[in-house]
Amino acid sequence: VLGEILKEDNPSGFERALQAPHVL
């Protein structure tokens, strides 16, 4: 559910996060 909210609110940022190699 959180992912759906984030994607709807900021599609370009969501896609950038998905493609990032690392997460801290």
PDB file of all heavy atoms in Angstrom:
ATOM      1  N   VAL A   1       0.832  -1.206   0.000  1.00  0.00           N
ATOM      2  CA  VAL A   1       0.000   0.000   0.000  1.00  0.00           C
ATOM      3  C   VAL A   1       0.864   1.251   0.000  1.00  0.00           C
ATOM      4  O   VAL A   1       0.592   2.215  -0.731  1.00  0.00           O
ATOM      5  CB  VAL A   1      -0.953  -0.003   1.210  1.00  0.00           C
ATOM      6  CG1 VAL A   1      -1.712   1.315   1.294  1.00  0.00           C
ATOM      7  CG2 VAL A   1      -1.944  -1.167   1.120  1.00  0.00           C
ATOM      8  N   LEU A   2       1.937   1.250   0.828  1.00  0.00           N
ATOM      9  CA  LEU A   2       2.820   2.420   0.871  1.00  0.00           C
ATOM     10  C   LEU A   2       3.443   2.669  -0.494  1.00  0.00           C
ATOM     11  O   LEU A   2       3.494   3.808  -0.970  1.00  0.00           O
ATOM     12  CB  LEU A   2       3.913   2.235   1.926  1.00  0.00           C
ATOM     13  CG  LEU A   2       4.957   3.358   2.001  1.00  0.00           C
ATOM     14  CD1 LEU A   2       4.297   4.701   2.316  1.00  0.00           C
ATOM     15  CD2 LEU A   2       6.033   3.023   3.040  1.00  0.00           C
ATOM     16  N   GLY A   3       3.892   1.614  -1.154  1.00  0.00           N
ATOM     17  CA  GLY A   3       4.493   1.772  -2.478  1.00  0.00           C
ATOM     18  C   GLY A   3       3.520   2.382  -3.476  1.00  0.00           C
ATOM     19  O   GLY A   3       3.899   3.239  -4.285  1.00  0.00           O
ATOM     20  N   GLU A   4       2.260   1.975  -3.415  1.00  0.00           N
ATOM     21  CA  GLU A   4       1.256   2.532  -4.321  1.00  0.00           C
ATOM     22  C   GLU A   4       1.061   4.018  -4.071  1.00  0.00           C
ATOM     23  O   GLU A   4       0.934   4.816  -5.008  1.00  0.00           O
ATOM     24  CB  GLU A   4      -0.065   1.780  -4.137  1.00  0.00           C
ATOM     25  CG  GLU A   4      -0.023   0.329  -4.602  1.00  0.00           C
ATOM     26  CD  GLU A   4      -1.304  -0.418  -4.270  1.00  0.00           C
ATOM     27  OE1 GLU A   4      -2.252   0.242  -3.775  1.00  0.00           O
ATOM     28  OE2 GLU A   4      -1.355  -1.638  -4.492  1.00  0.00           O
ATOM     29  N   ILE A   5       1.049   4.412  -2.786  1.00  0.00           N
ATOM     30  CA  ILE A   5       0.889   5.826  -2.438  1.00  0.00           C
ATOM     31  C   ILE A   5       2.081   6.635  -2.945  1.00  0.00           C
ATOM     32  O   ILE A   5       1.922   7.712  -3.540  1.00  0.00           O
ATOM     33  CB  ILE A   5       0.746   5.985  -0.913  1.00  0.00           C
ATOM     34  CG1 ILE A   5      -0.578   5.381  -0.444  1.00  0.00           C
ATOM     35  CG2 ILE A   5       0.837   7.459  -0.501  1.00  0.00           C
ATOM     36  CD1 ILE A   5      -0.712   5.281   1.054  1.00  0.00           C
ATOM     37  N   LEU A   6       3.293   6.120  -2.725  1.00  0.00           N
ATOM     38  CA  LEU A   6       4.499   6.842  -3.134  1.00  0.00           C
ATOM     39  C   LEU A   6       4.575   6.975  -4.656  1.00  0.00           C
ATOM     40  O   LEU A   6       4.962   8.025  -5.173  1.00  0.00           O
ATOM     41  CB  LEU A   6       5.740   6.122  -2.607  1.00  0.00           C
ATOM     42  CG  LEU A   6       5.853   5.990  -1.080  1.00  0.00           C
ATOM     43  CD1 LEU A   6       7.122   5.238  -0.706  1.00  0.00           C
ATOM     44  CD2 LEU A   6       5.805   7.344  -0.400  1.00  0.00           C
ATOM     45  N   LYS A   7       4.198   5.915  -5.357  1.00  0.00           N
ATOM     46  CA  LYS A   7       4.253   5.950  -6.823  1.00  0.00           C
ATOM     47  C   LYS A   7       3.264   6.961  -7.383  1.00  0.00           C
ATOM     48  O   LYS A   7       3.582   7.714  -8.311  1.00  0.00           O
ATOM     49  CB  LYS A   7       3.959   4.558  -7.377  1.00  0.00           C
ATOM     50  CG  LYS A   7       4.071   4.478  -8.907  1.00  0.00           C
ATOM     51  CD  LYS A   7       3.850   3.049  -9.393  1.00  0.00           C
ATOM     52  CE  LYS A   7       4.010   2.957 -10.902  1.00  0.00           C
ATOM     53  NZ  LYS A   7       3.824   1.558 -11.384  1.00  0.00           N
ATOM     54  N   GLU A   8       2.068   7.000  -6.813  1.00  0.00           N
ATOM     55  CA  GLU A   8       1.056   7.952  -7.287  1.00  0.00           C
ATOM     56  C   GLU A   8       1.476   9.391  -6.996  1.00  0.00           C
ATOM     57  O   GLU A   8       1.255  10.289  -7.811  1.00  0.00           O
ATOM     58  CB  GLU A   8      -0.288   7.654  -6.621  1.00  0.00           C
ATOM     59  CG  GLU A   8      -1.404   8.581  -7.078  1.00  0.00           C
ATOM     60  CD  GLU A   8      -2.739   8.226  -6.460  1.00  0.00           C
ATOM     61  OE1 GLU A   8      -2.828   7.216  -5.731  1.00  0.00           O
ATOM     62  OE2 GLU A   8      -3.712   8.970  -6.703  1.00  0.00           O
ATOM     63  N   ASP A   9       2.104   9.600  -5.840  1.00  0.00           N
ATOM     64  CA  ASP A   9       2.476  10.952  -5.427  1.00  0.00           C
ATOM     65  C   ASP A   9       3.678  11.492  -6.197  1.00  0.00           C
ATOM     66  O   ASP A   9       3.748  12.685  -6.499  1.00  0.00           O
ATOM     67  CB  ASP A   9       2.780  10.953  -3.918  1.00  0.00           C
ATOM     68  CG  ASP A   9       3.040  12.344  -3.382  1.00  0.00           C
ATOM     69  OD1 ASP A   9       2.180  13.218  -3.558  1.00  0.00           O
ATOM     70  OD2 ASP A   9       4.127  12.557  -2.800  1.00  0.00           O
ATOM     71  N   ASN A  10       4.640  10.614  -6.527  1.00  0.00           N
ATOM     72  CA  ASN A  10       5.871  11.066  -7.184  1.00  0.00           C
ATOM     73  C   ASN A  10       6.376   9.971  -8.122  1.00  0.00           C
ATOM     74  O   ASN A  10       7.309   9.240  -7.783  1.00  0.00           O
ATOM     75  CB  ASN A  10       6.928  11.409  -6.123  1.00  0.00           C
ATOM     76  CG  ASN A  10       8.150  12.096  -6.694  1.00  0.00           C
ATOM     77  OD1 ASN A  10       8.450  11.972  -7.883  1.00  0.00           O
ATOM     78  ND2 ASN A  10       8.891  12.809  -5.849  1.00  0.00           N
ATOM     79  N   PRO A  11       5.775   9.833  -9.311  1.00  0.00           N
ATOM     80  CA  PRO A  11       6.138   8.727 -10.216  1.00  0.00           C
ATOM     81  C   PRO A  11       7.607   8.733 -10.621  1.00  0.00           C
ATOM     82  O   PRO A  11       8.237   7.668 -10.672  1.00  0.00           O
ATOM     83  CB  PRO A  11       5.227   8.950 -11.427  1.00  0.00           C
ATOM     84  CG  PRO A  11       4.105   9.794 -10.929  1.00  0.00           C
ATOM     85  CD  PRO A  11       4.670  10.644  -9.847  1.00  0.00           C
ATOM     86  N   SER A  12       8.175   9.910 -10.921  1.00  0.00           N
ATOM     87  CA  SER A  12       9.568   9.945 -11.383  1.00  0.00           C
ATOM     88  C   SER A  12      10.518   9.578 -10.255  1.00  0.00           C
ATOM     89  O   SER A  12      11.492   8.827 -10.451  1.00  0.00           O
ATOM     90  CB  SER A  12       9.913  11.327 -11.944  1.00  0.00           C
ATOM     91  OG  SER A  12       9.820  12.329 -10.940  1.00  0.00           O
ATOM     92  N   GLY A  13      10.261  10.096  -9.048  1.00  0.00           N
ATOM     93  CA  GLY A  13      11.107   9.752  -7.911  1.00  0.00           C
ATOM     94  C   GLY A  13      10.985   8.284  -7.548  1.00  0.00           C
ATOM     95  O   GLY A  13      11.974   7.636  -7.184  1.00  0.00           O
ATOM     96  N   PHE A  14       9.783   7.734  -7.654  1.00  0.00           N
ATOM     97  CA  PHE A  14       9.560   6.320  -7.369  1.00  0.00           C
ATOM     98  C   PHE A  14      10.370   5.453  -8.328  1.00  0.00           C
ATOM     99  O   PHE A  14      11.034   4.494  -7.911  1.00  0.00           O
ATOM    100  CB  PHE A  14       8.074   6.014  -7.492  1.00  0.00           C
ATOM    101  CG  PHE A  14       7.704   4.601  -7.144  1.00  0.00           C
ATOM    102  CD1 PHE A  14       7.434   4.242  -5.844  1.00  0.00           C
ATOM    103  CD2 PHE A  14       7.609   3.630  -8.142  1.00  0.00           C
ATOM    104  CE1 PHE A  14       7.074   2.934  -5.516  1.00  0.00           C
ATOM    105  CE2 PHE A  14       7.261   2.325  -7.832  1.00  0.00           C
ATOM    106  CZ  PHE A  14       6.997   1.981  -6.523  1.00  0.00           C
ATOM    107  N   GLU A  15      10.340   5.789  -9.606  1.00  0.00           N
ATOM    108  CA  GLU A  15      11.084   5.015 -10.589  1.00  0.00           C
ATOM    109  C   GLU A  15      12.583   5.127 -10.350  1.00  0.00           C
ATOM    110  O   GLU A  15      13.323   4.137 -10.477  1.00  0.00           O
ATOM    111  CB  GLU A  15      10.741   5.498 -12.007  1.00  0.00           C
ATOM    112  CG  GLU A  15      11.346   4.655 -13.113  1.00  0.00           C
ATOM    113  CD  GLU A  15      10.881   3.210 -13.097  1.00  0.00           C
ATOM    114  OE1 GLU A  15       9.758   2.938 -12.632  1.00  0.00           O
ATOM    115  OE2 GLU A  15      11.668   2.342 -13.547  1.00  0.00           O
ATOM    116  N   ARG A  16      13.045   6.322  -9.984  1.00  0.00           N
ATOM    117  CA  ARG A  16      14.470   6.501  -9.687  1.00  0.00           C
ATOM    118  C   ARG A  16      14.883   5.640  -8.493  1.00  0.00           C
ATOM    119  O   ARG A  16      15.953   5.023  -8.498  1.00  0.00           O
ATOM    120  CB  ARG A  16      14.752   7.974  -9.405  1.00  0.00           C
ATOM    121  CG  ARG A  16      16.197   8.252  -9.023  1.00  0.00           C
ATOM    122  CD  ARG A  16      16.480   9.742  -8.894  1.00  0.00           C
ATOM    123  NE  ARG A  16      16.463  10.387 -10.200  1.00  0.00           N
ATOM    124  CZ  ARG A  16      16.777  11.658 -10.405  1.00  0.00           C
ATOM    125  NH1 ARG A  16      17.115  12.431  -9.368  1.00  0.00           N
ATOM    126  NH2 ARG A  16      16.766  12.178 -11.603  1.00  0.00           N
ATOM    127  N   ALA A  17      14.018   5.575  -7.481  1.00  0.00           N
ATOM    128  CA  ALA A  17      14.323   4.745  -6.317  1.00  0.00           C
ATOM    129  C   ALA A  17      14.354   3.265  -6.697  1.00  0.00           C
ATOM    130  O   ALA A  17      15.233   2.511  -6.259  1.00  0.00           O
ATOM    131  CB  ALA A  17      13.291   5.001  -5.222  1.00  0.00           C
ATOM    132  N   LEU A  18      13.410   2.838  -7.520  1.00  0.00           N
ATOM    133  CA  LEU A  18      13.382   1.437  -7.953  1.00  0.00           C
ATOM    134  C   LEU A  18      14.663   1.037  -8.672  1.00  0.00           C
ATOM    135  O   LEU A  18      15.158  -0.088  -8.513  1.00  0.00           O
ATOM    136  CB  LEU A  18      12.192   1.208  -8.889  1.00  0.00           C
ATOM    137  CG  LEU A  18      10.847   0.805  -8.309  1.00  0.00           C
ATOM    138  CD1 LEU A  18       9.861   0.577  -9.434  1.00  0.00           C
ATOM    139  CD2 LEU A  18      10.969  -0.455  -7.448  1.00  0.00           C
ATOM    140  N   GLN A  19      15.209   1.946  -9.475  1.00  0.00           N
ATOM    141  CA  GLN A  19      16.376   1.634 -10.298  1.00  0.00           C
ATOM    142  C   GLN A  19      17.696   1.804  -9.545  1.00  0.00           C
ATOM    143  O   GLN A  19      18.740   1.386 -10.047  1.00  0.00           O
ATOM    144  CB  GLN A  19      16.381   2.529 -11.544  1.00  0.00           C
ATOM    145  CG  GLN A  19      15.178   2.340 -12.456  1.00  0.00           C
ATOM    146  CD  GLN A  19      15.016   0.897 -12.917  1.00  0.00           C
ATOM    147  OE1 GLN A  19      15.997   0.218 -13.231  1.00  0.00           O
ATOM    148  NE2 GLN A  19      13.777   0.418 -12.948  1.00  0.00           N
ATOM    149  N   ALA A  20      17.667   2.403  -8.368  1.00  0.00           N
ATOM    150  CA  ALA A  20      18.909   2.636  -7.612  1.00  0.00           C
ATOM    151  C   ALA A  20      19.524   1.305  -7.182  1.00  0.00           C
ATOM    152  O   ALA A  20      18.810   0.401  -6.756  1.00  0.00           O
ATOM    153  CB  ALA A  20      18.620   3.498  -6.386  1.00  0.00           C
ATOM    154  N   PRO A  21      20.839   1.176  -7.262  1.00  0.00           N
ATOM    155  CA  PRO A  21      21.455  -0.098  -6.872  1.00  0.00           C
ATOM    156  C   PRO A  21      21.500  -0.347  -5.369  1.00  0.00           C
ATOM    157  O   PRO A  21      21.508  -1.498  -4.928  1.00  0.00           O
ATOM    158  CB  PRO A  21      22.874   0.010  -7.445  1.00  0.00           C
ATOM    159  CG  PRO A  21      23.133   1.473  -7.570  1.00  0.00           C
ATOM    160  CD  PRO A  21      21.810   2.105  -7.868  1.00  0.00           C
ATOM    161  N   HIS A  22      21.530   0.729  -4.578  1.00  0.00           N
ATOM    162  CA  HIS A  22      21.722   0.572  -3.137  1.00  0.00           C
ATOM    163  C   HIS A  22      20.628   1.285  -2.343  1.00  0.00           C
ATOM    164  O   HIS A  22      20.013   2.241  -2.820  1.00  0.00           O
ATOM    165  CB  HIS A  22      23.087   1.144  -2.702  1.00  0.00           C
ATOM    166  CG  HIS A  22      24.235   0.639  -3.483  1.00  0.00           C
ATOM    167  ND1 HIS A  22      25.180   1.471  -4.058  1.00  0.00           N
ATOM    168  CD2 HIS A  22      24.602  -0.631  -3.815  1.00  0.00           C
ATOM    169  CE1 HIS A  22      26.078   0.747  -4.698  1.00  0.00           C
ATOM    170  NE2 HIS A  22      25.744  -0.535  -4.580  1.00  0.00           N
ATOM    171  N   VAL A  23      20.436   0.802  -1.109  1.00  0.00           N
ATOM    172  CA  VAL A  23      19.531   1.460  -0.161  1.00  0.00           C
ATOM    173  C   VAL A  23      20.241   1.525   1.188  1.00  0.00           C
ATOM    174  O   VAL A  23      20.792   0.523   1.663  1.00  0.00           O
ATOM    175  CB  VAL A  23      18.207   0.686   0.014  1.00  0.00           C
ATOM    176  CG1 VAL A  23      17.242   1.506   0.886  1.00  0.00           C
ATOM    177  CG2 VAL A  23      17.577   0.344  -1.315  1.00  0.00           C
ATOM    178  N   LEU A  24      20.224   2.703   1.794  1.00  0.00           N
ATOM    179  CA  LEU A  24      20.718   2.875   3.156  1.00  0.00           C
ATOM    180  C   LEU A  24      19.519   3.120   4.062  1.00  0.00           C
ATOM    181  O   LEU A  24      18.679   3.971   3.766  1.00  0.00           O
ATOM    182  CB  LEU A  24      21.689   4.050   3.252  1.00  0.00           C
ATOM    183  CG  LEU A  24      22.926   3.977   2.350  1.00  0.00           C
ATOM    184  CD1 LEU A  24      23.775   5.233   2.529  1.00  0.00           C
ATOM    185  CD2 LEU A  24      23.760   2.735   2.653  1.00  0.00           C
TER     186      LEU A  24
END
